[in-house]
PDB file of all heavy atoms in Angstrom:
ATOM      1  N   LEU A   1     -25.851   3.289  -0.636  1.00  0.00           N
ATOM      2  CA  LEU A   1     -24.414   3.298  -0.355  1.00  0.00           C
ATOM      3  C   LEU A   1     -23.538   3.581  -1.575  1.00  0.00           C
ATOM      4  O   LEU A   1     -22.311   3.439  -1.505  1.00  0.00           O
ATOM      5  CB  LEU A   1     -23.985   1.933   0.243  1.00  0.00           C
ATOM      6  CG  LEU A   1     -24.727   1.472   1.504  1.00  0.00           C
ATOM      7  CD1 LEU A   1     -24.281   0.072   1.880  1.00  0.00           C
ATOM      8  CD2 LEU A   1     -24.498   2.445   2.648  1.00  0.00           C
ATOM      9  N   LYS A   2     -24.152   3.983  -2.678  1.00  0.00           N
ATOM     10  CA  LYS A   2     -23.402   4.146  -3.926  1.00  0.00           C
ATOM     11  C   LYS A   2     -22.191   5.058  -3.762  1.00  0.00           C
ATOM     12  O   LYS A   2     -21.077   4.729  -4.163  1.00  0.00           O
ATOM     13  CB  LYS A   2     -24.334   4.692  -5.016  1.00  0.00           C
ATOM     14  CG  LYS A   2     -23.624   4.976  -6.331  1.00  0.00           C
ATOM     15  CD  LYS A   2     -24.590   5.561  -7.356  1.00  0.00           C
ATOM     16  CE  LYS A   2     -23.849   6.048  -8.589  1.00  0.00           C
ATOM     17  NZ  LYS A   2     -24.766   6.607  -9.595  1.00  0.00           N
ATOM     18  N   SER A   3     -22.390   6.240  -3.171  1.00  0.00           N
ATOM     19  CA  SER A   3     -21.287   7.207  -3.061  1.00  0.00           C
ATOM     20  C   SER A   3     -20.205   6.710  -2.105  1.00  0.00           C
ATOM     21  O   SER A   3     -19.012   6.929  -2.332  1.00  0.00           O
ATOM     22  CB  SER A   3     -21.817   8.574  -2.618  1.00  0.00           C
ATOM     23  OG  SER A   3     -22.491   8.479  -1.382  1.00  0.00           O
ATOM     24  N   TYR A   4     -20.600   6.008  -1.048  1.00  0.00           N
ATOM     25  CA  TYR A   4     -19.622   5.479  -0.090  1.00  0.00           C
ATOM     26  C   TYR A   4     -18.776   4.388  -0.759  1.00  0.00           C
ATOM     27  O   TYR A   4     -17.567   4.323  -0.578  1.00  0.00           O
ATOM     28  CB  TYR A   4     -20.314   4.890   1.144  1.00  0.00           C
ATOM     29  CG  TYR A   4     -21.210   5.863   1.867  1.00  0.00           C
ATOM     30  CD1 TYR A   4     -22.572   5.945   1.571  1.00  0.00           C
ATOM     31  CD2 TYR A   4     -20.707   6.703   2.862  1.00  0.00           C
ATOM     32  CE1 TYR A   4     -23.403   6.833   2.232  1.00  0.00           C
ATOM     33  CE2 TYR A   4     -21.529   7.593   3.541  1.00  0.00           C
ATOM     34  CZ  TYR A   4     -22.882   7.655   3.213  1.00  0.00           C
ATOM     35  OH  TYR A   4     -23.690   8.538   3.876  1.00  0.00           O
ATOM     36  N   TRP A   5     -19.464   3.515  -1.503  1.00  0.00           N
ATOM     37  CA  TRP A   5     -18.753   2.446  -2.223  1.00  0.00           C
ATOM     38  C   TRP A   5     -17.799   3.051  -3.250  1.00  0.00           C
ATOM     39  O   TRP A   5     -16.637   2.649  -3.353  1.00  0.00           O
ATOM     40  CB  TRP A   5     -19.741   1.500  -2.903  1.00  0.00           C
ATOM     41  CG  TRP A   5     -19.036   0.481  -3.742  1.00  0.00           C
ATOM     42  CD1 TRP A   5     -18.700   0.589  -5.074  1.00  0.00           C
ATOM     43  CD2 TRP A   5     -18.519  -0.787  -3.313  1.00  0.00           C
ATOM     44  NE1 TRP A   5     -18.010  -0.534  -5.495  1.00  0.00           N
ATOM     45  CE2 TRP A   5     -17.887  -1.389  -4.441  1.00  0.00           C
ATOM     46  CE3 TRP A   5     -18.526  -1.470  -2.095  1.00  0.00           C
ATOM     47  CZ2 TRP A   5     -17.274  -2.650  -4.364  1.00  0.00           C
ATOM     48  CZ3 TRP A   5     -17.915  -2.719  -2.035  1.00  0.00           C
ATOM     49  CH2 TRP A   5     -17.305  -3.293  -3.158  1.00  0.00           C
ATOM     50  N   SER A   6     -18.287   4.037  -4.007  1.00  0.00           N
ATOM     51  CA  SER A   6     -17.473   4.645  -5.067  1.00  0.00           C
ATOM     52  C   SER A   6     -16.268   5.383  -4.499  1.00  0.00           C
ATOM     53  O   SER A   6     -15.248   5.525  -5.171  1.00  0.00           O
ATOM     54  CB  SER A   6     -18.330   5.583  -5.917  1.00  0.00           C
ATOM     55  OG  SER A   6     -19.352   4.844  -6.586  1.00  0.00           O
ATOM     56  N   ASP A   7     -16.378   5.841  -3.260  1.00  0.00           N
ATOM     57  CA  ASP A   7     -15.241   6.494  -2.584  1.00  0.00           C
ATOM     58  C   ASP A   7     -14.356   5.478  -1.851  1.00  0.00           C
ATOM     59  O   ASP A   7     -13.425   5.863  -1.137  1.00  0.00           O
ATOM     60  CB  ASP A   7     -15.741   7.544  -1.576  1.00  0.00           C
ATOM     61  CG  ASP A   7     -16.308   8.775  -2.266  1.00  0.00           C
ATOM     62  OD1 ASP A   7     -16.085   8.934  -3.484  1.00  0.00           O
ATOM     63  OD2 ASP A   7     -16.988   9.581  -1.583  1.00  0.00           O
ATOM     64  N   ARG A   8     -14.659   4.190  -2.011  1.00  0.00           N
ATOM     65  CA  ARG A   8     -13.907   3.095  -1.379  1.00  0.00           C
ATOM     66  C   ARG A   8     -13.873   3.216   0.143  1.00  0.00           C
ATOM     67  O   ARG A   8     -12.861   2.927   0.797  1.00  0.00           O
ATOM     68  CB  ARG A   8     -12.476   3.025  -1.925  1.00  0.00           C
ATOM     69  CG  ARG A   8     -12.365   2.542  -3.374  1.00  0.00           C
ATOM     70  CD  ARG A   8     -12.733   1.092  -3.519  1.00  0.00           C
ATOM     71  NE  ARG A   8     -12.401   0.537  -4.830  1.00  0.00           N
ATOM     72  CZ  ARG A   8     -13.111  -0.419  -5.431  1.00  0.00           C
ATOM     73  NH1 ARG A   8     -14.196  -0.904  -4.838  1.00  0.00           N
ATOM     74  NH2 ARG A   8     -12.762  -0.893  -6.593  1.00  0.00           N
ATOM     75  N   LEU A   9     -15.005   3.637   0.726  1.00  0.00           N
ATOM     76  CA  LEU A   9     -15.103   3.741   2.181  1.00  0.00           C
ATOM     77  C   LEU A   9     -15.657   2.455   2.799  1.00  0.00           C
ATOM     78  O   LEU A   9     -15.654   2.299   4.014  1.00  0.00           O
ATOM     79  CB  LEU A   9     -16.008   4.925   2.561  1.00  0.00           C
ATOM     80  CG  LEU A   9     -15.518   6.303   2.096  1.00  0.00           C
ATOM     81  CD1 LEU A   9     -16.579   7.371   2.376  1.00  0.00           C
ATOM     82  CD2 LEU A   9     -14.196   6.661   2.774  1.00  0.00           C
ATOM     83  N   ILE A  10     -16.161   1.560   1.949  1.00  0.00           N
ATOM     84  CA  ILE A  10     -16.764   0.308   2.425  1.00  0.00           C
ATOM     85  C   ILE A  10     -15.950  -0.864   1.898  1.00  0.00           C
ATOM     86  O   ILE A  10     -15.803  -1.019   0.681  1.00  0.00           O
ATOM     87  CB  ILE A  10     -18.219   0.189   1.921  1.00  0.00           C
ATOM     88  CG1 ILE A  10     -19.074   1.332   2.479  1.00  0.00           C
ATOM     89  CG2 ILE A  10     -18.812  -1.167   2.288  1.00  0.00           C
ATOM     90  CD1 ILE A  10     -20.490   1.351   1.917  1.00  0.00           C
ATOM     91  N   ILE A  11     -15.410  -1.680   2.802  1.00  0.00           N
ATOM     92  CA  ILE A  11     -14.768  -2.927   2.350  1.00  0.00           C
ATOM     93  C   ILE A  11     -15.869  -3.886   1.912  1.00  0.00           C
ATOM     94  O   ILE A  11     -15.794  -4.514   0.876  1.00  0.00           O
ATOM     95  CB  ILE A  11     -13.896  -3.545   3.458  1.00  0.00           C
ATOM     96  CG1 ILE A  11     -12.702  -2.635   3.741  1.00  0.00           C
ATOM     97  CG2 ILE A  11     -13.427  -4.936   3.056  1.00  0.00           C
ATOM     98  CD1 ILE A  11     -11.772  -3.136   4.835  1.00  0.00           C
ATOM     99  N   GLY A  12     -16.907  -3.993   2.736  1.00  0.00           N
ATOM    100  CA  GLY A  12     -18.117  -4.723   2.343  1.00  0.00           C
ATOM    101  C   GLY A  12     -17.992  -6.223   2.341  1.00  0.00           C
ATOM    102  O   GLY A  12     -18.502  -6.909   3.240  1.00  0.00           O
ATOM    103  N   PHE A  13     -17.297  -6.759   1.341  1.00  0.00           N
ATOM    104  CA  PHE A  13     -17.205  -8.210   1.171  1.00  0.00           C
ATOM    105  C   PHE A  13     -16.018  -8.743   1.967  1.00  0.00           C
ATOM    106  O   PHE A  13     -14.921  -8.934   1.447  1.00  0.00           O
ATOM    107  CB  PHE A  13     -17.058  -8.560  -0.314  1.00  0.00           C
ATOM    108  CG  PHE A  13     -18.234  -8.128  -1.149  1.00  0.00           C
ATOM    109  CD1 PHE A  13     -18.141  -7.012  -1.969  1.00  0.00           C
ATOM    110  CD2 PHE A  13     -19.439  -8.822  -1.104  1.00  0.00           C
ATOM    111  CE1 PHE A  13     -19.220  -6.605  -2.743  1.00  0.00           C
ATOM    112  CE2 PHE A  13     -20.529  -8.411  -1.871  1.00  0.00           C
ATOM    113  CZ  PHE A  13     -20.423  -7.304  -2.692  1.00  0.00           C
ATOM    114  N   ILE A  14     -16.267  -8.975   3.246  1.00  0.00           N
ATOM    115  CA  ILE A  14     -15.211  -9.434   4.146  1.00  0.00           C
ATOM    116  C   ILE A  14     -15.879 -10.177   5.302  1.00  0.00           C
ATOM    117  O   ILE A  14     -16.954  -9.792   5.755  1.00  0.00           O
ATOM    118  CB  ILE A  14     -14.358  -8.235   4.647  1.00  0.00           C
ATOM    119  CG1 ILE A  14     -13.196  -8.704   5.509  1.00  0.00           C
ATOM    120  CG2 ILE A  14     -15.210  -7.209   5.394  1.00  0.00           C
ATOM    121  CD1 ILE A  14     -12.201  -7.587   5.844  1.00  0.00           C
ATOM    122  N   SER A  15     -15.246 -11.254   5.761  1.00  0.00           N
ATOM    123  CA  SER A  15     -15.874 -12.066   6.814  1.00  0.00           C
ATOM    124  C   SER A  15     -15.653 -11.453   8.185  1.00  0.00           C
ATOM    125  O   SER A  15     -14.690 -10.705   8.416  1.00  0.00           O
ATOM    126  CB  SER A  15     -15.291 -13.486   6.798  1.00  0.00           C
ATOM    127  OG  SER A  15     -13.941 -13.459   7.225  1.00  0.00           O
ATOM    128  N   LYS A  16     -16.546 -11.810   9.092  1.00  0.00           N
ATOM    129  CA  LYS A  16     -16.461 -11.337  10.479  1.00  0.00           C
ATOM    130  C   LYS A  16     -15.135 -11.778  11.111  1.00  0.00           C
ATOM    131  O   LYS A  16     -14.484 -11.018  11.826  1.00  0.00           O
ATOM    132  CB  LYS A  16     -17.643 -11.928  11.254  1.00  0.00           C
ATOM    133  CG  LYS A  16     -18.036 -11.189  12.506  1.00  0.00           C
ATOM    134  CD  LYS A  16     -19.342 -11.770  13.043  1.00  0.00           C
ATOM    135  CE  LYS A  16     -19.852 -10.967  14.213  1.00  0.00           C
ATOM    136  NZ  LYS A  16     -21.170 -11.466  14.668  1.00  0.00           N
ATOM    137  N   GLN A  17     -14.724 -13.015  10.789  1.00  0.00           N
ATOM    138  CA  GLN A  17     -13.492 -13.564  11.359  1.00  0.00           C
ATOM    139  C   GLN A  17     -12.275 -12.770  10.877  1.00  0.00           C
ATOM    140  O   GLN A  17     -11.374 -12.455  11.657  1.00  0.00           O
ATOM    141  CB  GLN A  17     -13.322 -15.040  10.967  1.00  0.00           C
ATOM    142  CG  GLN A  17     -14.349 -15.983  11.547  1.00  0.00           C
ATOM    143  CD  GLN A  17     -15.708 -15.918  10.845  1.00  0.00           C
ATOM    144  OE1 GLN A  17     -15.860 -15.288   9.787  1.00  0.00           O
ATOM    145  NE2 GLN A  17     -16.705 -16.552  11.444  1.00  0.00           N
ATOM    146  N   TYR A  18     -12.261 -12.439   9.583  1.00  0.00           N
ATOM    147  CA  TYR A  18     -11.110 -11.719   9.033  1.00  0.00           C
ATOM    148  C   TYR A  18     -11.073 -10.283   9.554  1.00  0.00           C
ATOM    149  O   TYR A  18      -9.997  -9.718   9.763  1.00  0.00           O
ATOM    150  CB  TYR A  18     -11.131 -11.741   7.505  1.00  0.00           C
ATOM    151  CG  TYR A  18      -9.828 -11.280   6.883  1.00  0.00           C
ATOM    152  CD1 TYR A  18      -8.626 -11.910   7.220  1.00  0.00           C
ATOM    153  CD2 TYR A  18      -9.795 -10.215   5.996  1.00  0.00           C
ATOM    154  CE1 TYR A  18      -7.420 -11.486   6.679  1.00  0.00           C
ATOM    155  CE2 TYR A  18      -8.584  -9.780   5.452  1.00  0.00           C
ATOM    156  CZ  TYR A  18      -7.408 -10.430   5.795  1.00  0.00           C
ATOM    157  OH  TYR A  18      -6.207 -10.002   5.267  1.00  0.00           O
ATOM    158  N   VAL A  19     -12.249  -9.707   9.786  1.00  0.00           N
ATOM    159  CA  VAL A  19     -12.318  -8.365  10.373  1.00  0.00           C
ATOM    160  C   VAL A  19     -11.644  -8.371  11.744  1.00  0.00           C
ATOM    161  O   VAL A  19     -10.864  -7.473  12.075  1.00  0.00           O
ATOM    162  CB  VAL A  19     -13.786  -7.880  10.500  1.00  0.00           C
ATOM    163  CG1 VAL A  19     -13.883  -6.672  11.411  1.00  0.00           C
ATOM    164  CG2 VAL A  19     -14.346  -7.536   9.127  1.00  0.00           C
ATOM    165  N   CYS A  20     -11.943  -9.396  12.542  1.00  0.00           N
ATOM    166  CA  CYS A  20     -11.339  -9.501  13.879  1.00  0.00           C
ATOM    167  C   CYS A  20      -9.820  -9.573  13.778  1.00  0.00           C
ATOM    168  O   CYS A  20      -9.096  -8.946  14.559  1.00  0.00           O
ATOM    169  CB  CYS A  20     -11.863 -10.738  14.602  1.00  0.00           C
ATOM    170  SG  CYS A  20     -13.565 -10.540  15.154  1.00  0.00           S
ATOM    171  N   LYS A  21      -9.343 -10.309  12.777  1.00  0.00           N
ATOM    172  CA  LYS A  21      -7.900 -10.444  12.577  1.00  0.00           C
ATOM    173  C   LYS A  21      -7.293  -9.089  12.187  1.00  0.00           C
ATOM    174  O   LYS A  21      -6.252  -8.679  12.701  1.00  0.00           O
ATOM    175  CB  LYS A  21      -7.645 -11.475  11.469  1.00  0.00           C
ATOM    176  CG  LYS A  21      -6.203 -11.860  11.275  1.00  0.00           C
ATOM    177  CD  LYS A  21      -6.093 -12.937  10.206  1.00  0.00           C
ATOM    178  CE  LYS A  21      -4.641 -13.120   9.778  1.00  0.00           C
ATOM    179  NZ  LYS A  21      -4.534 -14.049   8.648  1.00  0.00           N
ATOM    180  N   LEU A  22      -7.962  -8.365  11.289  1.00  0.00           N
ATOM    181  CA  LEU A  22      -7.466  -7.060  10.825  1.00  0.00           C
ATOM    182  C   LEU A  22      -7.423  -6.037  11.954  1.00  0.00           C
ATOM    183  O   LEU A  22      -6.476  -5.270  12.086  1.00  0.00           O
ATOM    184  CB  LEU A  22      -8.359  -6.505   9.704  1.00  0.00           C
ATOM    185  CG  LEU A  22      -8.163  -6.972   8.273  1.00  0.00           C
ATOM    186  CD1 LEU A  22      -9.069  -6.162   7.356  1.00  0.00           C
ATOM    187  CD2 LEU A  22      -6.719  -6.840   7.820  1.00  0.00           C
ATOM    188  N   LEU A  23      -8.506  -6.018  12.748  1.00  0.00           N
ATOM    189  CA  LEU A  23      -8.649  -4.964  13.751  1.00  0.00           C
ATOM    190  C   LEU A  23      -7.996  -5.280  15.086  1.00  0.00           C
ATOM    191  O   LEU A  23      -7.847  -4.395  15.928  1.00  0.00           O
ATOM    192  CB  LEU A  23     -10.134  -4.659  13.978  1.00  0.00           C
ATOM    193  CG  LEU A  23     -10.916  -4.067  12.794  1.00  0.00           C
ATOM    194  CD1 LEU A  23     -12.358  -3.772  13.200  1.00  0.00           C
ATOM    195  CD2 LEU A  23     -10.257  -2.798  12.251  1.00  0.00           C
ATOM    196  N   SER A  24      -7.609  -6.536  15.291  1.00  0.00           N
ATOM    197  CA  SER A  24      -7.148  -6.969  16.624  1.00  0.00           C
ATOM    198  C   SER A  24      -5.934  -6.191  17.136  1.00  0.00           C
ATOM    199  O   SER A  24      -5.748  -6.057  18.344  1.00  0.00           O
ATOM    200  CB  SER A  24      -6.836  -8.468  16.613  1.00  0.00           C
ATOM    201  OG  SER A  24      -5.799  -8.729  15.681  1.00  0.00           O
ATOM    202  N   THR A  25      -5.106  -5.679  16.236  1.00  0.00           N
ATOM    203  CA  THR A  25      -3.902  -4.950  16.686  1.00  0.00           C
ATOM    204  C   THR A  25      -4.048  -3.437  16.499  1.00  0.00           C
ATOM    205  O   THR A  25      -3.076  -2.700  16.670  1.00  0.00           O
ATOM    206  CB  THR A  25      -2.670  -5.432  15.886  1.00  0.00           C
ATOM    207  OG1 THR A  25      -2.935  -5.278  14.474  1.00  0.00           O
ATOM    208  CG2 THR A  25      -2.379  -6.891  16.170  1.00  0.00           C
ATOM    209  N   GLU A  26      -5.251  -2.988  16.153  1.00  0.00           N
ATOM    210  CA  GLU A  26      -5.469  -1.554  15.903  1.00  0.00           C
ATOM    211  C   GLU A  26      -5.886  -0.826  17.184  1.00  0.00           C
ATOM    212  O   GLU A  26      -6.446  -1.431  18.096  1.00  0.00           O
ATOM    213  CB  GLU A  26      -6.548  -1.373  14.828  1.00  0.00           C
ATOM    214  CG  GLU A  26      -6.173  -1.943  13.460  1.00  0.00           C
ATOM    215  CD  GLU A  26      -4.950  -1.281  12.852  1.00  0.00           C
ATOM    216  OE1 GLU A  26      -4.760  -0.061  13.028  1.00  0.00           O
ATOM    217  OE2 GLU A  26      -4.163  -1.999  12.195  1.00  0.00           O
ATOM    218  N   PRO A  27      -5.666   0.489  17.240  1.00  0.00           N
ATOM    219  CA  PRO A  27      -6.056   1.254  18.443  1.00  0.00           C
ATOM    220  C   PRO A  27      -7.575   1.390  18.579  1.00  0.00           C
ATOM    221  O   PRO A  27      -8.315   1.191  17.599  1.00  0.00           O
ATOM    222  CB  PRO A  27      -5.405   2.626  18.209  1.00  0.00           C
ATOM    223  CG  PRO A  27      -5.127   2.709  16.754  1.00  0.00           C
ATOM    224  CD  PRO A  27      -4.922   1.314  16.271  1.00  0.00           C
ATOM    225  N   ASP A  28      -8.005   1.742  19.785  1.00  0.00           N
ATOM    226  CA  ASP A  28      -9.435   1.945  20.058  1.00  0.00           C
ATOM    227  C   ASP A  28     -10.053   2.911  19.047  1.00  0.00           C
ATOM    228  O   ASP A  28      -9.438   3.913  18.676  1.00  0.00           O
ATOM    229  CB  ASP A  28      -9.620   2.571  21.449  1.00  0.00           C
ATOM    230  CG  ASP A  28      -9.557   1.517  22.526  1.00  0.00           C
ATOM    231  OD1 ASP A  28      -9.237   0.376  22.188  1.00  0.00           O
ATOM    232  OD2 ASP A  28      -9.815   1.842  23.691  1.00  0.00           O
ATOM    233  N   GLY A  29     -11.279   2.605  18.651  1.00  0.00           N
ATOM    234  CA  GLY A  29     -12.000   3.513  17.766  1.00  0.00           C
ATOM    235  C   GLY A  29     -11.755   3.279  16.294  1.00  0.00           C
ATOM    236  O   GLY A  29     -12.378   3.924  15.441  1.00  0.00           O
ATOM    237  N   THR A  30     -10.841   2.346  15.947  1.00  0.00           N
ATOM    238  CA  THR A  30     -10.630   2.007  14.532  1.00  0.00           C
ATOM    239  C   THR A  30     -11.829   1.178  14.066  1.00  0.00           C
ATOM    240  O   THR A  30     -12.261   0.260  14.771  1.00  0.00           O
ATOM    241  CB  THR A  30      -9.325   1.200  14.349  1.00  0.00           C
ATOM    242  OG1 THR A  30      -8.241   1.935  14.916  1.00  0.00           O
ATOM    243  CG2 THR A  30      -9.052   0.939  12.877  1.00  0.00           C
ATOM    244  N   PHE A  31     -12.356   1.488  12.897  1.00  0.00           N
ATOM    245  CA  PHE A  31     -13.561   0.777  12.437  1.00  0.00           C
ATOM    246  C   PHE A  31     -13.516   0.547  10.930  1.00  0.00           C
ATOM    247  O   PHE A  31     -12.744   1.173  10.197  1.00  0.00           O
ATOM    248  CB  PHE A  31     -14.820   1.570  12.807  1.00  0.00           C
ATOM    249  CG  PHE A  31     -14.993   2.871  12.053  1.00  0.00           C
ATOM    250  CD1 PHE A  31     -15.819   2.944  10.929  1.00  0.00           C
ATOM    251  CD2 PHE A  31     -14.342   4.031  12.464  1.00  0.00           C
ATOM    252  CE1 PHE A  31     -15.979   4.140  10.239  1.00  0.00           C
ATOM    253  CE2 PHE A  31     -14.494   5.229  11.786  1.00  0.00           C
ATOM    254  CZ  PHE A  31     -15.322   5.287  10.666  1.00  0.00           C
ATOM    255  N   LEU A  32     -14.359  -0.374  10.475  1.00  0.00           N
ATOM    256  CA  LEU A  32     -14.552  -0.586   9.041  1.00  0.00           C
ATOM    257  C   LEU A  32     -15.982  -1.042   8.805  1.00  0.00           C
ATOM    258  O   LEU A  32     -16.703  -1.407   9.742  1.00  0.00           O
ATOM    259  CB  LEU A  32     -13.526  -1.569   8.474  1.00  0.00           C
ATOM    260  CG  LEU A  32     -13.400  -2.983   9.059  1.00  0.00           C
ATOM    261  CD1 LEU A  32     -14.536  -3.882   8.594  1.00  0.00           C
ATOM    262  CD2 LEU A  32     -12.073  -3.612   8.616  1.00  0.00           C
ATOM    263  N   LEU A  33     -16.396  -1.008   7.553  1.00  0.00           N
ATOM    264  CA  LEU A  33     -17.771  -1.362   7.196  1.00  0.00           C
ATOM    265  C   LEU A  33     -17.800  -2.626   6.359  1.00  0.00           C
ATOM    266  O   LEU A  33     -17.000  -2.766   5.421  1.00  0.00           O
ATOM    267  CB  LEU A  33     -18.430  -0.209   6.422  1.00  0.00           C
ATOM    268  CG  LEU A  33     -18.679   1.032   7.261  1.00  0.00           C
ATOM    269  CD1 LEU A  33     -17.568   2.048   7.027  1.00  0.00           C
ATOM    270  CD2 LEU A  33     -20.009   1.662   6.914  1.00  0.00           C
ATOM    271  N   ARG A  34     -18.704  -3.531   6.719  1.00  0.00           N
ATOM    272  CA  ARG A  34     -18.848  -4.775   5.957  1.00  0.00           C
ATOM    273  C   ARG A  34     -20.320  -5.104   5.787  1.00  0.00           C
ATOM    274  O   ARG A  34     -21.168  -4.656   6.577  1.00  0.00           O
ATOM    275  CB  ARG A  34     -18.111  -5.926   6.643  1.00  0.00           C
ATOM    276  CG  ARG A  34     -18.701  -6.332   7.967  1.00  0.00           C
ATOM    277  CD  ARG A  34     -17.978  -7.517   8.596  1.00  0.00           C
ATOM    278  NE  ARG A  34     -18.685  -7.952   9.787  1.00  0.00           N
ATOM    279  CZ  ARG A  34     -19.726  -8.797   9.764  1.00  0.00           C
ATOM    280  NH1 ARG A  34     -20.141  -9.328   8.635  1.00  0.00           N
ATOM    281  NH2 ARG A  34     -20.335  -9.124  10.890  1.00  0.00           N
ATOM    282  N   PHE A  35     -20.617  -5.875   4.763  1.00  0.00           N
ATOM    283  CA  PHE A  35     -21.994  -6.311   4.545  1.00  0.00           C
ATOM    284  C   PHE A  35     -22.317  -7.434   5.518  1.00  0.00           C
ATOM    285  O   PHE A  35     -21.494  -8.324   5.748  1.00  0.00           O
ATOM    286  CB  PHE A  35     -22.198  -6.778   3.097  1.00  0.00           C
ATOM    287  CG  PHE A  35     -21.987  -5.684   2.082  1.00  0.00           C
ATOM    288  CD1 PHE A  35     -21.045  -5.821   1.063  1.00  0.00           C
ATOM    289  CD2 PHE A  35     -22.710  -4.500   2.169  1.00  0.00           C
ATOM    290  CE1 PHE A  35     -20.839  -4.811   0.140  1.00  0.00           C
ATOM    291  CE2 PHE A  35     -22.508  -3.475   1.246  1.00  0.00           C
ATOM    292  CZ  PHE A  35     -21.564  -3.625   0.229  1.00  0.00           C
ATOM    293  N   SER A  36     -23.518  -7.376   6.080  1.00  0.00           N
ATOM    294  CA  SER A  36     -23.922  -8.366   7.077  1.00  0.00           C
ATOM    295  C   SER A  36     -23.981  -9.770   6.483  1.00  0.00           C
ATOM    296  O   SER A  36     -24.464  -9.968   5.368  1.00  0.00           O
ATOM    297  CB  SER A  36     -25.305  -7.992   7.630  1.00  0.00           C
ATOM    298  OG  SER A  36     -25.806  -9.032   8.449  1.00  0.00           O
ATOM    299  N   ASP A  37     -23.480 -10.751   7.240  1.00  0.00           N
ATOM    300  CA  ASP A  37     -23.563 -12.165   6.839  1.00  0.00           C
ATOM    301  C   ASP A  37     -24.913 -12.764   7.199  1.00  0.00           C
ATOM    302  O   ASP A  37     -25.415 -13.638   6.514  1.00  0.00           O
ATOM    303  CB  ASP A  37     -22.488 -12.974   7.586  1.00  0.00           C
ATOM    304  CG  ASP A  37     -21.243 -13.161   6.738  1.00  0.00           C
ATOM    305  OD1 ASP A  37     -21.355 -13.189   5.511  1.00  0.00           O
ATOM    306  OD2 ASP A  37     -20.152 -13.279   7.328  1.00  0.00           O
ATOM    307  N   SER A  38     -25.489 -12.274   8.279  1.00  0.00           N
ATOM    308  CA  SER A  38     -26.674 -12.918   8.850  1.00  0.00           C
ATOM    309  C   SER A  38     -27.983 -12.350   8.307  1.00  0.00           C
ATOM    310  O   SER A  38     -29.027 -12.985   8.416  1.00  0.00           O
ATOM    311  CB  SER A  38     -26.661 -12.799  10.370  1.00  0.00           C
ATOM    312  OG  SER A  38     -26.576 -11.432  10.743  1.00  0.00           O
ATOM    313  N   GLU A  39     -27.934 -11.138   7.756  1.00  0.00           N
ATOM    314  CA  GLU A  39     -29.145 -10.503   7.240  1.00  0.00           C
ATOM    315  C   GLU A  39     -28.987 -10.156   5.767  1.00  0.00           C
ATOM    316  O   GLU A  39     -27.902  -9.785   5.325  1.00  0.00           O
ATOM    317  CB  GLU A  39     -29.445  -9.215   8.029  1.00  0.00           C
ATOM    318  CG  GLU A  39     -29.842  -9.464   9.468  1.00  0.00           C
ATOM    319  CD  GLU A  39     -30.231  -8.173  10.184  1.00  0.00           C
ATOM    320  OE1 GLU A  39     -30.583  -7.192   9.510  1.00  0.00           O
ATOM    321  OE2 GLU A  39     -30.159  -8.169  11.427  1.00  0.00           O
ATOM    322  N   ILE A  40     -30.089 -10.261   5.028  1.00  0.00           N
ATOM    323  CA  ILE A  40     -30.063  -9.852   3.623  1.00  0.00           C
ATOM    324  C   ILE A  40     -30.178  -8.326   3.566  1.00  0.00           C
ATOM    325  O   ILE A  40     -31.051  -7.741   4.203  1.00  0.00           O
ATOM    326  CB  ILE A  40     -31.228 -10.504   2.849  1.00  0.00           C
ATOM    327  CG1 ILE A  40     -30.984 -12.015   2.718  1.00  0.00           C
ATOM    328  CG2 ILE A  40     -31.392  -9.879   1.470  1.00  0.00           C
ATOM    329  CD1 ILE A  40     -32.095 -12.750   1.987  1.00  0.00           C
ATOM    330  N   GLY A  41     -29.267  -7.701   2.829  1.00  0.00           N
ATOM    331  CA  GLY A  41     -29.359  -6.250   2.642  1.00  0.00           C
ATOM    332  C   GLY A  41     -29.066  -5.450   3.890  1.00  0.00           C
ATOM    333  O   GLY A  41     -29.810  -4.541   4.245  1.00  0.00           O
TER     334      GLY A  41
END
């Protein structure tokens, strides 16, 4: 993911709960990338 991170395409360090808050008022198909809480890597 080096190039994606360097292009700031991955928020990564963000909780599932906060993602729901961010996306709750966005239109269909809006997405973001975060690192999994439940799995390593």
